[in-house]
mmCIF file of all heavy atoms, coordinates in Angstrom:
data_MODEL
# 
_entry.id   MODEL 
# 
loop_
_atom_site.group_PDB 
_atom_site.id 
_atom_site.type_symbol 
_atom_site.label_atom_id 
_atom_site.label_alt_id 
_atom_site.label_comp_id 
_atom_site.label_asym_id 
_atom_site.label_entity_id 
_atom_site.label_seq_id 
_atom_site.pdbx_PDB_ins_code 
_atom_site.Cartn_x 
_atom_site.Cartn_y 
_atom_site.Cartn_z 
_atom_site.occupancy 
_atom_site.B_iso_or_equiv 
_atom_site.pdbx_formal_charge 
_atom_site.auth_seq_id 
_atom_site.auth_comp_id 
_atom_site.auth_asym_id 
_atom_site.auth_atom_id 
_atom_site.pdbx_PDB_model_num 
ATOM 1   N N   . LEU A 1 1  ? 88.809  97.235  109.762 1.00 0.00 ? 1  LEU A N   1 
ATOM 2   C CA  . LEU A 1 1  ? 89.600  96.931  108.584 1.00 0.00 ? 1  LEU A CA  1 
ATOM 3   C C   . LEU A 1 1  ? 90.007  98.206  107.866 1.00 0.00 ? 1  LEU A C   1 
ATOM 4   O O   . LEU A 1 1  ? 91.136  98.347  107.412 1.00 0.00 ? 1  LEU A O   1 
ATOM 5   C CB  . LEU A 1 1  ? 88.806  96.023  107.646 1.00 0.00 ? 1  LEU A CB  1 
ATOM 6   C CG  . LEU A 1 1  ? 89.502  95.610  106.348 1.00 0.00 ? 1  LEU A CG  1 
ATOM 7   C CD1 . LEU A 1 1  ? 90.783  94.846  106.654 1.00 0.00 ? 1  LEU A CD1 1 
ATOM 8   C CD2 . LEU A 1 1  ? 88.565  94.772  105.500 1.00 0.00 ? 1  LEU A CD2 1 
ATOM 9   N N   . GLY A 1 2  ? 89.052  99.177  107.778 1.00 0.00 ? 2  GLY A N   1 
ATOM 10  C CA  . GLY A 1 2  ? 89.381  100.432 107.138 1.00 0.00 ? 2  GLY A CA  1 
ATOM 11  C C   . GLY A 1 2  ? 90.456  101.195 107.877 1.00 0.00 ? 2  GLY A C   1 
ATOM 12  O O   . GLY A 1 2  ? 91.327  101.809 107.258 1.00 0.00 ? 2  GLY A O   1 
ATOM 13  N N   . GLU A 1 3  ? 90.410  101.136 109.199 1.00 0.00 ? 3  GLU A N   1 
ATOM 14  C CA  . GLU A 1 3  ? 91.423  101.816 109.991 1.00 0.00 ? 3  GLU A CA  1 
ATOM 15  C C   . GLU A 1 3  ? 92.796  101.182 109.792 1.00 0.00 ? 3  GLU A C   1 
ATOM 16  O O   . GLU A 1 3  ? 93.812  101.874 109.693 1.00 0.00 ? 3  GLU A O   1 
ATOM 17  C CB  . GLU A 1 3  ? 91.036  101.770 111.475 1.00 0.00 ? 3  GLU A CB  1 
ATOM 18  C CG  . GLU A 1 3  ? 89.794  102.576 111.818 1.00 0.00 ? 3  GLU A CG  1 
ATOM 19  C CD  . GLU A 1 3  ? 89.403  102.436 113.279 1.00 0.00 ? 3  GLU A CD  1 
ATOM 20  O OE1 . GLU A 1 3  ? 90.139  101.736 114.012 1.00 0.00 ? 3  GLU A OE1 1 
ATOM 21  O OE2 . GLU A 1 3  ? 88.393  103.013 113.675 1.00 0.00 ? 3  GLU A OE2 1 
ATOM 22  N N   . ARG A 1 4  ? 92.821  99.870  109.740 1.00 0.00 ? 4  ARG A N   1 
ATOM 23  C CA  . ARG A 1 4  ? 94.099  99.186  109.522 1.00 0.00 ? 4  ARG A CA  1 
ATOM 24  C C   . ARG A 1 4  ? 94.684  99.546  108.159 1.00 0.00 ? 4  ARG A C   1 
ATOM 25  O O   . ARG A 1 4  ? 95.863  99.856  108.039 1.00 0.00 ? 4  ARG A O   1 
ATOM 26  C CB  . ARG A 1 4  ? 93.912  97.665  109.625 1.00 0.00 ? 4  ARG A CB  1 
ATOM 27  C CG  . ARG A 1 4  ? 95.235  96.876  109.523 1.00 0.00 ? 4  ARG A CG  1 
ATOM 28  C CD  . ARG A 1 4  ? 94.982  95.377  109.574 1.00 0.00 ? 4  ARG A CD  1 
ATOM 29  N NE  . ARG A 1 4  ? 94.278  95.003  110.772 1.00 0.00 ? 4  ARG A NE  1 
ATOM 30  C CZ  . ARG A 1 4  ? 94.845  94.797  111.953 1.00 0.00 ? 4  ARG A CZ  1 
ATOM 31  N NH1 . ARG A 1 4  ? 96.169  94.949  112.075 1.00 0.00 ? 4  ARG A NH1 1 
ATOM 32  N NH2 . ARG A 1 4  ? 94.123  94.456  113.008 1.00 0.00 ? 4  ARG A NH2 1 
ATOM 33  N N   . THR A 1 5  ? 93.833  99.490  107.144 1.00 0.00 ? 5  THR A N   1 
ATOM 34  C CA  . THR A 1 5  ? 94.307  99.817  105.803 1.00 0.00 ? 5  THR A CA  1 
ATOM 35  C C   . THR A 1 5  ? 94.805  101.249 105.719 1.00 0.00 ? 5  THR A C   1 
ATOM 36  O O   . THR A 1 5  ? 95.844  101.529 105.110 1.00 0.00 ? 5  THR A O   1 
ATOM 37  C CB  . THR A 1 5  ? 93.181  99.590  104.779 1.00 0.00 ? 5  THR A CB  1 
ATOM 38  O OG1 . THR A 1 5  ? 92.778  98.217  104.814 1.00 0.00 ? 5  THR A OG1 1 
ATOM 39  C CG2 . THR A 1 5  ? 93.641  99.928  103.376 1.00 0.00 ? 5  THR A CG2 1 
ATOM 40  N N   . ALA A 1 6  ? 94.084  102.159 106.357 1.00 0.00 ? 6  ALA A N   1 
ATOM 41  C CA  . ALA A 1 6  ? 94.501  103.562 106.353 1.00 0.00 ? 6  ALA A CA  1 
ATOM 42  C C   . ALA A 1 6  ? 95.857  103.722 107.045 1.00 0.00 ? 6  ALA A C   1 
ATOM 43  O O   . ALA A 1 6  ? 96.717  104.485 106.583 1.00 0.00 ? 6  ALA A O   1 
ATOM 44  C CB  . ALA A 1 6  ? 93.442  104.428 107.031 1.00 0.00 ? 6  ALA A CB  1 
ATOM 45  N N   . ARG A 1 7  ? 96.041  103.010 108.161 1.00 0.00 ? 7  ARG A N   1 
ATOM 46  C CA  . ARG A 1 7  ? 97.321  103.091 108.888 1.00 0.00 ? 7  ARG A CA  1 
ATOM 47  C C   . ARG A 1 7  ? 98.469  102.573 108.026 1.00 0.00 ? 7  ARG A C   1 
ATOM 48  O O   . ARG A 1 7  ? 99.540  103.190 107.959 1.00 0.00 ? 7  ARG A O   1 
ATOM 49  C CB  . ARG A 1 7  ? 97.227  102.280 110.182 1.00 0.00 ? 7  ARG A CB  1 
ATOM 50  C CG  . ARG A 1 7  ? 98.554  102.176 110.943 1.00 0.00 ? 7  ARG A CG  1 
ATOM 51  C CD  . ARG A 1 7  ? 98.369  101.509 112.290 1.00 0.00 ? 7  ARG A CD  1 
ATOM 52  N NE  . ARG A 1 7  ? 97.840  100.175 112.165 1.00 0.00 ? 7  ARG A NE  1 
ATOM 53  C CZ  . ARG A 1 7  ? 98.594  99.090  111.920 1.00 0.00 ? 7  ARG A CZ  1 
ATOM 54  N NH1 . ARG A 1 7  ? 99.904  99.231  111.737 1.00 0.00 ? 7  ARG A NH1 1 
ATOM 55  N NH2 . ARG A 1 7  ? 98.053  97.891  111.858 1.00 0.00 ? 7  ARG A NH2 1 
ATOM 56  N N   . LEU A 1 8  ? 98.251  101.453 107.347 1.00 0.00 ? 8  LEU A N   1 
ATOM 57  C CA  . LEU A 1 8  ? 99.306  100.876 106.525 1.00 0.00 ? 8  LEU A CA  1 
ATOM 58  C C   . LEU A 1 8  ? 99.583  101.749 105.303 1.00 0.00 ? 8  LEU A C   1 
ATOM 59  O O   . LEU A 1 8  ? 100.742 101.891 104.884 1.00 0.00 ? 8  LEU A O   1 
ATOM 60  C CB  . LEU A 1 8  ? 98.928  99.458  106.105 1.00 0.00 ? 8  LEU A CB  1 
ATOM 61  C CG  . LEU A 1 8  ? 98.754  98.458  107.257 1.00 0.00 ? 8  LEU A CG  1 
ATOM 62  C CD1 . LEU A 1 8  ? 98.400  97.078  106.724 1.00 0.00 ? 8  LEU A CD1 1 
ATOM 63  C CD2 . LEU A 1 8  ? 99.992  98.398  108.134 1.00 0.00 ? 8  LEU A CD2 1 
ATOM 64  N N   . ARG A 1 9  ? 98.531  102.326 104.735 1.00 0.00 ? 9  ARG A N   1 
ATOM 65  C CA  . ARG A 1 9  ? 98.736  103.248 103.612 1.00 0.00 ? 9  ARG A CA  1 
ATOM 66  C C   . ARG A 1 9  ? 99.608  104.424 104.044 1.00 0.00 ? 9  ARG A C   1 
ATOM 67  O O   . ARG A 1 9  ? 100.477 104.886 103.283 1.00 0.00 ? 9  ARG A O   1 
ATOM 68  C CB  . ARG A 1 9  ? 97.400  103.765 103.105 1.00 0.00 ? 9  ARG A CB  1 
ATOM 69  C CG  . ARG A 1 9  ? 96.605  102.790 102.258 1.00 0.00 ? 9  ARG A CG  1 
ATOM 70  C CD  . ARG A 1 9  ? 95.339  103.495 101.749 1.00 0.00 ? 9  ARG A CD  1 
ATOM 71  N NE  . ARG A 1 9  ? 94.477  102.602 101.021 1.00 0.00 ? 9  ARG A NE  1 
ATOM 72  C CZ  . ARG A 1 9  ? 94.624  102.267 99.744  1.00 0.00 ? 9  ARG A CZ  1 
ATOM 73  N NH1 . ARG A 1 9  ? 95.661  102.769 99.070  1.00 0.00 ? 9  ARG A NH1 1 
ATOM 74  N NH2 . ARG A 1 9  ? 93.785  101.456 99.152  1.00 0.00 ? 9  ARG A NH2 1 
ATOM 75  N N   . ALA A 1 10 ? 99.372  104.929 105.259 1.00 0.00 ? 10 ALA A N   1 
ATOM 76  C CA  . ALA A 1 10 ? 100.164 106.058 105.755 1.00 0.00 ? 10 ALA A CA  1 
ATOM 77  C C   . ALA A 1 10 ? 101.623 105.658 105.914 1.00 0.00 ? 10 ALA A C   1 
ATOM 78  O O   . ALA A 1 10 ? 102.535 106.432 105.592 1.00 0.00 ? 10 ALA A O   1 
ATOM 79  C CB  . ALA A 1 10 ? 99.590  106.560 107.074 1.00 0.00 ? 10 ALA A CB  1 
ATOM 80  N N   . LEU A 1 11 ? 101.871 104.434 106.406 1.00 0.00 ? 11 LEU A N   1 
ATOM 81  C CA  . LEU A 1 11 ? 103.248 103.957 106.554 1.00 0.00 ? 11 LEU A CA  1 
ATOM 82  C C   . LEU A 1 11 ? 103.931 103.837 105.195 1.00 0.00 ? 11 LEU A C   1 
ATOM 83  O O   . LEU A 1 11 ? 105.107 104.186 105.046 1.00 0.00 ? 11 LEU A O   1 
ATOM 84  C CB  . LEU A 1 11 ? 103.257 102.600 107.264 1.00 0.00 ? 11 LEU A CB  1 
ATOM 85  C CG  . LEU A 1 11 ? 102.839 102.596 108.736 1.00 0.00 ? 11 LEU A CG  1 
ATOM 86  C CD1 . LEU A 1 11 ? 102.795 101.157 109.257 1.00 0.00 ? 11 LEU A CD1 1 
ATOM 87  C CD2 . LEU A 1 11 ? 103.790 103.440 109.572 1.00 0.00 ? 11 LEU A CD2 1 
ATOM 88  N N   . ILE A 1 12 ? 103.194 103.337 104.217 1.00 0.00 ? 12 ILE A N   1 
ATOM 89  C CA  . ILE A 1 12 ? 103.745 103.209 102.863 1.00 0.00 ? 12 ILE A CA  1 
ATOM 90  C C   . ILE A 1 12 ? 104.072 104.585 102.287 1.00 0.00 ? 12 ILE A C   1 
ATOM 91  O O   . ILE A 1 12 ? 105.151 104.798 101.712 1.00 0.00 ? 12 ILE A O   1 
ATOM 92  C CB  . ILE A 1 12 ? 102.750 102.459 101.957 1.00 0.00 ? 12 ILE A CB  1 
ATOM 93  C CG1 . ILE A 1 12 ? 102.614 100.996 102.408 1.00 0.00 ? 12 ILE A CG1 1 
ATOM 94  C CG2 . ILE A 1 12 ? 103.185 102.524 100.495 1.00 0.00 ? 12 ILE A CG2 1 
ATOM 95  C CD1 . ILE A 1 12 ? 101.453 100.259 101.767 1.00 0.00 ? 12 ILE A CD1 1 
ATOM 96  N N   . ALA A 1 13 ? 103.155 105.526 102.454 1.00 0.00 ? 13 ALA A N   1 
ATOM 97  C CA  . ALA A 1 13 ? 103.374 106.877 101.939 1.00 0.00 ? 13 ALA A CA  1 
ATOM 98  C C   . ALA A 1 13 ? 104.560 107.543 102.622 1.00 0.00 ? 13 ALA A C   1 
ATOM 99  O O   . ALA A 1 13 ? 105.370 108.227 101.967 1.00 0.00 ? 13 ALA A O   1 
ATOM 100 C CB  . ALA A 1 13 ? 102.106 107.715 102.125 1.00 0.00 ? 13 ALA A CB  1 
ATOM 101 N N   . ASP A 1 14 ? 104.692 107.356 103.939 1.00 0.00 ? 14 ASP A N   1 
ATOM 102 C CA  . ASP A 1 14 ? 105.819 107.937 104.672 1.00 0.00 ? 14 ASP A CA  1 
ATOM 103 C C   . ASP A 1 14 ? 107.150 107.377 104.164 1.00 0.00 ? 14 ASP A C   1 
ATOM 104 O O   . ASP A 1 14 ? 108.128 108.121 104.005 1.00 0.00 ? 14 ASP A O   1 
ATOM 105 C CB  . ASP A 1 14 ? 105.683 107.657 106.168 1.00 0.00 ? 14 ASP A CB  1 
ATOM 106 C CG  . ASP A 1 14 ? 104.599 108.503 106.819 1.00 0.00 ? 14 ASP A CG  1 
ATOM 107 O OD1 . ASP A 1 14 ? 104.149 109.479 106.188 1.00 0.00 ? 14 ASP A OD1 1 
ATOM 108 O OD2 . ASP A 1 14 ? 104.193 108.173 107.955 1.00 0.00 ? 14 ASP A OD2 1 
ATOM 109 N N   . ARG A 1 15 ? 107.187 106.066 103.919 1.00 0.00 ? 15 ARG A N   1 
ATOM 110 C CA  . ARG A 1 15 ? 108.428 105.462 103.419 1.00 0.00 ? 15 ARG A CA  1 
ATOM 111 C C   . ARG A 1 15 ? 108.764 105.993 102.025 1.00 0.00 ? 15 ARG A C   1 
ATOM 112 O O   . ARG A 1 15 ? 109.922 106.302 101.733 1.00 0.00 ? 15 ARG A O   1 
ATOM 113 C CB  . ARG A 1 15 ? 108.306 103.945 103.407 1.00 0.00 ? 15 ARG A CB  1 
ATOM 114 C CG  . ARG A 1 15 ? 109.544 103.220 102.876 1.00 0.00 ? 15 ARG A CG  1 
ATOM 115 C CD  . ARG A 1 15 ? 109.416 101.716 103.055 1.00 0.00 ? 15 ARG A CD  1 
ATOM 116 N NE  . ARG A 1 15 ? 109.508 101.347 104.445 1.00 0.00 ? 15 ARG A NE  1 
ATOM 117 C CZ  . ARG A 1 15 ? 110.644 101.021 105.059 1.00 0.00 ? 15 ARG A CZ  1 
ATOM 118 N NH1 . ARG A 1 15 ? 111.783 101.027 104.397 1.00 0.00 ? 15 ARG A NH1 1 
ATOM 119 N NH2 . ARG A 1 15 ? 110.649 100.698 106.329 1.00 0.00 ? 15 ARG A NH2 1 
ATOM 120 N N   . ALA A 1 16 ? 107.761 106.098 101.180 1.00 0.00 ? 16 ALA A N   1 
ATOM 121 C CA  . ALA A 1 16 ? 108.004 106.625 99.830  1.00 0.00 ? 16 ALA A CA  1 
ATOM 122 C C   . ALA A 1 16 ? 108.496 108.071 99.898  1.00 0.00 ? 16 ALA A C   1 
ATOM 123 O O   . ALA A 1 16 ? 109.448 108.442 99.198  1.00 0.00 ? 16 ALA A O   1 
ATOM 124 C CB  . ALA A 1 16 ? 106.726 106.531 99.000  1.00 0.00 ? 16 ALA A CB  1 
ATOM 125 N N   . ASP A 1 17 ? 107.858 108.882 100.753 1.00 0.00 ? 17 ASP A N   1 
ATOM 126 C CA  . ASP A 1 17 ? 108.280 110.281 100.902 1.00 0.00 ? 17 ASP A CA  1 
ATOM 127 C C   . ASP A 1 17 ? 109.711 110.355 101.409 1.00 0.00 ? 17 ASP A C   1 
ATOM 128 O O   . ASP A 1 17 ? 110.507 111.195 100.954 1.00 0.00 ? 17 ASP A O   1 
ATOM 129 C CB  . ASP A 1 17 ? 107.349 111.014 101.867 1.00 0.00 ? 17 ASP A CB  1 
ATOM 130 C CG  . ASP A 1 17 ? 105.984 111.290 101.260 1.00 0.00 ? 17 ASP A CG  1 
ATOM 131 O OD1 . ASP A 1 17 ? 105.857 111.204 100.023 1.00 0.00 ? 17 ASP A OD1 1 
ATOM 132 O OD2 . ASP A 1 17 ? 105.047 111.574 102.035 1.00 0.00 ? 17 ASP A OD2 1 
ATOM 133 N N   . GLY A 1 18 ? 110.061 109.487 102.369 1.00 0.00 ? 18 GLY A N   1 
ATOM 134 C CA  . GLY A 1 18 ? 111.406 109.496 102.921 1.00 0.00 ? 18 GLY A CA  1 
ATOM 135 C C   . GLY A 1 18 ? 112.465 109.134 101.897 1.00 0.00 ? 18 GLY A C   1 
ATOM 136 O O   . GLY A 1 18 ? 113.614 109.583 101.988 1.00 0.00 ? 18 GLY A O   1 
ATOM 137 N N   . GLN A 1 19 ? 112.087 108.318 100.931 1.00 0.00 ? 19 GLN A N   1 
ATOM 138 C CA  . GLN A 1 19 ? 113.025 107.934 99.877  1.00 0.00 ? 19 GLN A CA  1 
ATOM 139 C C   . GLN A 1 19 ? 112.968 108.873 98.677  1.00 0.00 ? 19 GLN A C   1 
ATOM 140 O O   . GLN A 1 19 ? 113.780 108.763 97.761  1.00 0.00 ? 19 GLN A O   1 
ATOM 141 C CB  . GLN A 1 19 ? 112.736 106.498 99.421  1.00 0.00 ? 19 GLN A CB  1 
ATOM 142 C CG  . GLN A 1 19 ? 112.923 105.454 100.504 1.00 0.00 ? 19 GLN A CG  1 
ATOM 143 C CD  . GLN A 1 19 ? 112.551 104.053 100.039 1.00 0.00 ? 19 GLN A CD  1 
ATOM 144 O OE1 . GLN A 1 19 ? 112.194 103.838 98.876  1.00 0.00 ? 19 GLN A OE1 1 
ATOM 145 N NE2 . GLN A 1 19 ? 112.638 103.087 100.936 1.00 0.00 ? 19 GLN A NE2 1 
ATOM 146 N N   . GLY A 1 20 ? 111.967 109.775 98.681  1.00 0.00 ? 20 GLY A N   1 
ATOM 147 C CA  . GLY A 1 20 ? 111.816 110.692 97.562  1.00 0.00 ? 20 GLY A CA  1 
ATOM 148 C C   . GLY A 1 20 ? 111.369 109.999 96.286  1.00 0.00 ? 20 GLY A C   1 
ATOM 149 O O   . GLY A 1 20 ? 111.756 110.404 95.192  1.00 0.00 ? 20 GLY A O   1 
ATOM 150 N N   . VAL A 1 21 ? 110.544 108.948 96.432  1.00 0.00 ? 21 VAL A N   1 
ATOM 151 C CA  . VAL A 1 21 ? 110.081 108.191 95.265  1.00 0.00 ? 21 VAL A CA  1 
ATOM 152 C C   . VAL A 1 21 ? 108.564 108.047 95.334  1.00 0.00 ? 21 VAL A C   1 
ATOM 153 O O   . VAL A 1 21 ? 107.955 108.201 96.403  1.00 0.00 ? 21 VAL A O   1 
ATOM 154 C CB  . VAL A 1 21 ? 110.723 106.782 95.219  1.00 0.00 ? 21 VAL A CB  1 
ATOM 155 C CG1 . VAL A 1 21 ? 112.240 106.898 95.081  1.00 0.00 ? 21 VAL A CG1 1 
ATOM 156 C CG2 . VAL A 1 21 ? 110.351 105.969 96.455  1.00 0.00 ? 21 VAL A CG2 1 
ATOM 157 N N   . PRO A 1 22 ? 107.917 107.746 94.221  1.00 0.00 ? 22 PRO A N   1 
ATOM 158 C CA  . PRO A 1 22 ? 106.476 107.485 94.262  1.00 0.00 ? 22 PRO A CA  1 
ATOM 159 C C   . PRO A 1 22 ? 106.196 106.161 94.974  1.00 0.00 ? 22 PRO A C   1 
ATOM 160 O O   . PRO A 1 22 ? 107.077 105.303 95.101  1.00 0.00 ? 22 PRO A O   1 
ATOM 161 C CB  . PRO A 1 22 ? 106.082 107.400 92.775  1.00 0.00 ? 22 PRO A CB  1 
ATOM 162 C CG  . PRO A 1 22 ? 107.243 107.913 92.007  1.00 0.00 ? 22 PRO A CG  1 
ATOM 163 C CD  . PRO A 1 22 ? 108.452 107.697 92.841  1.00 0.00 ? 22 PRO A CD  1 
ATOM 164 N N   . VAL A 1 23 ? 104.979 106.003 95.422  1.00 0.00 ? 23 VAL A N   1 
ATOM 165 C CA  . VAL A 1 23 ? 104.560 104.725 95.979  1.00 0.00 ? 23 VAL A CA  1 
ATOM 166 C C   . VAL A 1 23 ? 104.634 103.668 94.879  1.00 0.00 ? 23 VAL A C   1 
ATOM 167 O O   . VAL A 1 23 ? 104.164 103.883 93.766  1.00 0.00 ? 23 VAL A O   1 
ATOM 168 C CB  . VAL A 1 23 ? 103.128 104.813 96.539  1.00 0.00 ? 23 VAL A CB  1 
ATOM 169 C CG1 . VAL A 1 23 ? 102.608 103.423 96.915  1.00 0.00 ? 23 VAL A CG1 1 
ATOM 170 C CG2 . VAL A 1 23 ? 103.098 105.723 97.762  1.00 0.00 ? 23 VAL A CG2 1 
ATOM 171 N N   . SER A 1 24 ? 105.258 102.547 95.176  1.00 0.00 ? 24 SER A N   1 
ATOM 172 C CA  . SER A 1 24 ? 105.426 101.477 94.204  1.00 0.00 ? 24 SER A CA  1 
ATOM 173 C C   . SER A 1 24 ? 105.298 100.141 94.917  1.00 0.00 ? 24 SER A C   1 
ATOM 174 O O   . SER A 1 24 ? 105.228 100.073 96.157  1.00 0.00 ? 24 SER A O   1 
ATOM 175 C CB  . SER A 1 24 ? 106.799 101.569 93.529  1.00 0.00 ? 24 SER A CB  1 
ATOM 176 O OG  . SER A 1 24 ? 107.824 101.323 94.486  1.00 0.00 ? 24 SER A OG  1 
# 
């Protein structure tokens, strides 16, 4: 479960970085 959450958090962070916005 921790690995899954970490993977999804990374995807969320990558999308936010790509848009130049904070995680929301």
